[in-house]
Amino acid sequence: MTEELDSKKLACVIAGTLDDKLGKDITILNISNVSSLADYFVIVTGDSTPQVKALMENTKDRIKKLFGRSPLRMENDTKNRWNLLDYGDVVVHILHRDERETYAIEKFWSNAFSVSEDEWREISKEYSEFNS
């Protein structure tokens, strides 16, 4: 299925995809008012390095399947404790819980607006793997 989608919807569907695979502490920041890097950051915590890698791979595959979009860039550290998927308008940060606490991305981008969990869940629910 391919369709037109804006960056907010993409960020919300990515958050829902990460939630389906048990990603924790999912945050969406609208950084468009404070940076030209992207429109949105999606930040998620994985409990282990294998989960961090699995969250990245699943998200990449799911967004490709749903929207025909692949990341423009993918990055990860050598220990798979911080992986990044860059879709241009949306950047996904998948961090091991220790790195999430250490780097505190949300504090650095404190001038950004957050998308509420209720809002991203509502926008993404039709794309959930568990929606029947």
C-alpha atoms as a PDB file:
ATOM      1  CA  MET A   1       0.000   0.000   0.000  1.00  0.00           C
ATOM      2  CA  THR A   2       1.441   3.356  -0.950  1.00  0.00           C
ATOM      3  CA  GLU A   3      -0.224   6.668  -0.260  1.00  0.00           C
ATOM      4  CA  GLU A   4       0.508  10.316   0.269  1.00  0.00           C
ATOM      5  CA  LEU A   5       1.517  11.078   3.808  1.00  0.00           C
ATOM      6  CA  ASP A   6       2.783  14.106   5.629  1.00  0.00           C
ATOM      7  CA  SER A   7       5.666  14.072   8.073  1.00  0.00           C
ATOM      8  CA  LYS A   8       3.431  14.105  11.158  1.00  0.00           C
ATOM      9  CA  LYS A   9       1.530  11.038   9.999  1.00  0.00           C
ATOM     10  CA  LEU A  10       4.800   9.267   9.159  1.00  0.00           C
ATOM     11  CA  ALA A  11       6.156  10.061  12.632  1.00  0.00           C
ATOM     12  CA  CYS A  12       2.965   8.778  14.258  1.00  0.00           C
ATOM     13  CA  VAL A  13       2.913   5.553  12.227  1.00  0.00           C
ATOM     14  CA  ILE A  14       6.583   4.985  13.102  1.00  0.00           C
ATOM     15  CA  ALA A  15       5.726   5.479  16.794  1.00  0.00           C
ATOM     16  CA  GLY A  16       2.880   2.976  16.470  1.00  0.00           C
ATOM     17  CA  THR A  17       5.177   0.493  14.739  1.00  0.00           C
ATOM     18  CA  LEU A  18       7.732   0.832  17.532  1.00  0.00           C
ATOM     19  CA  ASP A  19       4.959   0.402  20.108  1.00  0.00           C
ATOM     20  CA  ASP A  20       3.742  -2.783  18.367  1.00  0.00           C
ATOM     21  CA  LYS A  21       7.236  -4.216  18.910  1.00  0.00           C
ATOM     22  CA  LEU A  22       7.351  -3.193  22.576  1.00  0.00           C
ATOM     23  CA  GLY A  23       9.553  -0.117  22.253  1.00  0.00           C
ATOM     24  CA  LYS A  24       9.416   1.917  25.464  1.00  0.00           C
ATOM     25  CA  ASP A  25       9.045   5.606  26.348  1.00  0.00           C
ATOM     26  CA  ILE A  26       8.098   6.648  22.814  1.00  0.00           C
ATOM     27  CA  THR A  27       8.325  10.398  22.264  1.00  0.00           C
ATOM     28  CA  ILE A  28       7.584  12.427  19.158  1.00  0.00           C
ATOM     29  CA  LEU A  29       9.089  15.905  19.010  1.00  0.00           C
ATOM     30  CA  ASN A  30       8.035  18.444  16.410  1.00  0.00           C
ATOM     31  CA  ILE A  31      11.373  20.182  15.830  1.00  0.00           C
ATOM     32  CA  SER A  32      10.307  22.113  12.720  1.00  0.00           C
ATOM     33  CA  ASN A  33      10.071  25.357  14.693  1.00  0.00           C
ATOM     34  CA  VAL A  34      13.601  25.054  16.128  1.00  0.00           C
ATOM     35  CA  SER A  35      15.656  23.271  13.466  1.00  0.00           C
ATOM     36  CA  SER A  36      15.951  22.638   9.753  1.00  0.00           C
ATOM     37  CA  LEU A  37      17.279  19.087  10.353  1.00  0.00           C
ATOM     38  CA  ALA A  38      13.829  17.516  10.093  1.00  0.00           C
ATOM     39  CA  ASP A  39      10.207  18.109  10.984  1.00  0.00           C
ATOM     40  CA  TYR A  40       9.967  15.389  13.630  1.00  0.00           C
ATOM     41  CA  PHE A  41      12.149  13.237  15.859  1.00  0.00           C
ATOM     42  CA  VAL A  42      10.749   9.924  17.053  1.00  0.00           C
ATOM     43  CA  ILE A  43      12.665   8.676  20.095  1.00  0.00           C
ATOM     44  CA  VAL A  44      12.266   5.212  21.577  1.00  0.00           C
ATOM     45  CA  THR A  45      14.032   3.047  24.147  1.00  0.00           C
ATOM     46  CA  GLY A  46      14.993  -0.599  23.728  1.00  0.00           C
ATOM     47  CA  ASP A  47      15.746  -2.782  26.741  1.00  0.00           C
ATOM     48  CA  SER A  48      18.637  -4.626  25.105  1.00  0.00           C
ATOM     49  CA  THR A  49      20.996  -4.274  22.165  1.00  0.00           C
ATOM     50  CA  PRO A  50      19.187  -7.047  20.228  1.00  0.00           C
ATOM     51  CA  GLN A  51      15.900  -5.202  20.763  1.00  0.00           C
ATOM     52  CA  VAL A  52      17.432  -1.913  19.564  1.00  0.00           C
ATOM     53  CA  LYS A  53      18.514  -3.627  16.352  1.00  0.00           C
ATOM     54  CA  ALA A  54      15.169  -5.420  15.956  1.00  0.00           C
ATOM     55  CA  LEU A  55      13.225  -2.164  16.426  1.00  0.00           C
ATOM     56  CA  MET A  56      15.313  -0.556  13.691  1.00  0.00           C
ATOM     57  CA  GLU A  57      14.917  -3.442  11.234  1.00  0.00           C
ATOM     58  CA  ASN A  58      11.191  -3.843  11.861  1.00  0.00           C
ATOM     59  CA  THR A  59      10.523  -0.114  11.482  1.00  0.00           C
ATOM     60  CA  LYS A  60      12.523   0.075   8.259  1.00  0.00           C
ATOM     61  CA  ASP A  61      10.689  -2.940   6.798  1.00  0.00           C
ATOM     62  CA  ARG A  62       7.227  -1.830   7.928  1.00  0.00           C
ATOM     63  CA  ILE A  63       7.511   1.723   6.560  1.00  0.00           C
ATOM     64  CA  LYS A  64       8.806   0.334   3.259  1.00  0.00           C
ATOM     65  CA  LYS A  65       5.854  -2.058   3.078  1.00  0.00           C
ATOM     66  CA  LEU A  66       3.230   0.517   4.072  1.00  0.00           C
ATOM     67  CA  PHE A  67       4.446   3.587   2.199  1.00  0.00           C
ATOM     68  CA  GLY A  68       7.219   2.491  -0.148  1.00  0.00           C
ATOM     69  CA  ARG A  69       9.688   4.689   1.719  1.00  0.00           C
ATOM     70  CA  SER A  70      13.207   3.701   2.704  1.00  0.00           C
ATOM     71  CA  PRO A  71      15.420   5.748   4.989  1.00  0.00           C
ATOM     72  CA  LEU A  72      17.754   8.182   3.249  1.00  0.00           C
ATOM     73  CA  ARG A  73      20.406   7.189   5.797  1.00  0.00           C
ATOM     74  CA  MET A  74      20.803   4.656   8.555  1.00  0.00           C
ATOM     75  CA  GLU A  75      23.391   4.887  11.283  1.00  0.00           C
ATOM     76  CA  ASN A  76      24.267   2.867  14.315  1.00  0.00           C
ATOM     77  CA  ASP A  77      27.110   2.684  16.742  1.00  0.00           C
ATOM     78  CA  THR A  78      29.264  -0.430  16.690  1.00  0.00           C
ATOM     79  CA  LYS A  79      27.497  -1.897  19.714  1.00  0.00           C
ATOM     80  CA  ASN A  80      23.924  -1.268  18.435  1.00  0.00           C
ATOM     81  CA  ARG A  81      23.071   0.945  21.373  1.00  0.00           C
ATOM     82  CA  TRP A  82      21.946   3.949  19.321  1.00  0.00           C
ATOM     83  CA  ASN A  83      20.459   3.390  15.891  1.00  0.00           C
ATOM     84  CA  LEU A  84      19.124   6.103  13.645  1.00  0.00           C
ATOM     85  CA  LEU A  85      16.768   6.003  10.669  1.00  0.00           C
ATOM     86  CA  ASP A  86      16.703   9.251   8.700  1.00  0.00           C
ATOM     87  CA  TYR A  87      13.674   9.680   6.431  1.00  0.00           C
ATOM     88  CA  GLY A  88      14.529  13.324   5.729  1.00  0.00           C
ATOM     89  CA  ASP A  89      11.446  14.841   7.327  1.00  0.00           C
ATOM     90  CA  VAL A  90      11.398  12.329  10.206  1.00  0.00           C
ATOM     91  CA  VAL A  91      14.435  11.071  12.104  1.00  0.00           C
ATOM     92  CA  VAL A  92      14.029   7.999  14.324  1.00  0.00           C
ATOM     93  CA  HIS A  93      16.357   7.568  17.306  1.00  0.00           C
ATOM     94  CA  ILE A  94      16.320   4.043  18.745  1.00  0.00           C
ATOM     95  CA  LEU A  95      18.394   3.976  21.907  1.00  0.00           C
ATOM     96  CA  HIS A  96      19.347   1.462  24.558  1.00  0.00           C
ATOM     97  CA  ARG A  97      17.942   2.690  27.882  1.00  0.00           C
ATOM     98  CA  ASP A  98      21.416   3.649  29.202  1.00  0.00           C
ATOM     99  CA  GLU A  99      22.122   5.833  26.148  1.00  0.00           C
ATOM    100  CA  ARG A 100      18.650   7.354  26.358  1.00  0.00           C
ATOM    101  CA  GLU A 101      19.349   8.468  29.921  1.00  0.00           C
ATOM    102  CA  THR A 102      22.882   9.646  29.125  1.00  0.00           C
ATOM    103  CA  TYR A 103      22.096  11.717  26.039  1.00  0.00           C
ATOM    104  CA  ALA A 104      18.661  13.022  27.111  1.00  0.00           C
ATOM    105  CA  ILE A 105      17.672  14.116  23.611  1.00  0.00           C
ATOM    106  CA  GLU A 106      14.367  15.555  24.832  1.00  0.00           C
ATOM    107  CA  LYS A 107      16.162  17.950  27.184  1.00  0.00           C
ATOM    108  CA  PHE A 108      18.437  19.180  24.398  1.00  0.00           C
ATOM    109  CA  TRP A 109      15.388  19.827  22.199  1.00  0.00           C
ATOM    110  CA  SER A 110      13.293  21.290  25.036  1.00  0.00           C
ATOM    111  CA  ASN A 111      12.007  24.110  22.787  1.00  0.00           C
ATOM    112  CA  ALA A 112      10.363  21.565  20.491  1.00  0.00           C
ATOM    113  CA  PHE A 113       6.674  20.680  20.749  1.00  0.00           C
ATOM    114  CA  SER A 114       5.676  17.149  21.728  1.00  0.00           C
ATOM    115  CA  VAL A 115       2.981  15.124  20.036  1.00  0.00           C
ATOM    116  CA  SER A 116       0.886  13.549  22.778  1.00  0.00           C
ATOM    117  CA  GLU A 117       0.737   9.786  23.111  1.00  0.00           C
ATOM    118  CA  ASP A 118      -3.043   9.858  22.672  1.00  0.00           C
ATOM    119  CA  GLU A 119      -2.634  11.777  19.407  1.00  0.00           C
ATOM    120  CA  TRP A 120       0.029   9.533  17.866  1.00  0.00           C
ATOM    121  CA  ARG A 121      -1.869   6.424  18.914  1.00  0.00           C
ATOM    122  CA  GLU A 122      -5.045   7.727  17.248  1.00  0.00           C
ATOM    123  CA  ILE A 123      -3.247   8.692  14.023  1.00  0.00           C
ATOM    124  CA  SER A 124      -1.336   5.408  13.803  1.00  0.00           C
ATOM    125  CA  LYS A 125      -3.995   2.927  14.892  1.00  0.00           C
ATOM    126  CA  GLU A 126      -5.176   2.004  11.395  1.00  0.00           C
ATOM    127  CA  TYR A 127      -1.593   0.911  10.586  1.00  0.00           C
ATOM    128  CA  SER A 128      -1.056  -1.224  13.698  1.00  0.00           C
ATOM    129  CA  GLU A 129      -0.099  -4.832  13.088  1.00  0.00           C
ATOM    130  CA  PHE A 130      -2.598  -5.714  15.811  1.00  0.00           C
ATOM    131  CA  ASN A 131      -5.543  -3.748  14.456  1.00  0.00           C
ATOM    132  CA  SER A 132      -8.277  -6.087  13.295  1.00  0.00           C
END
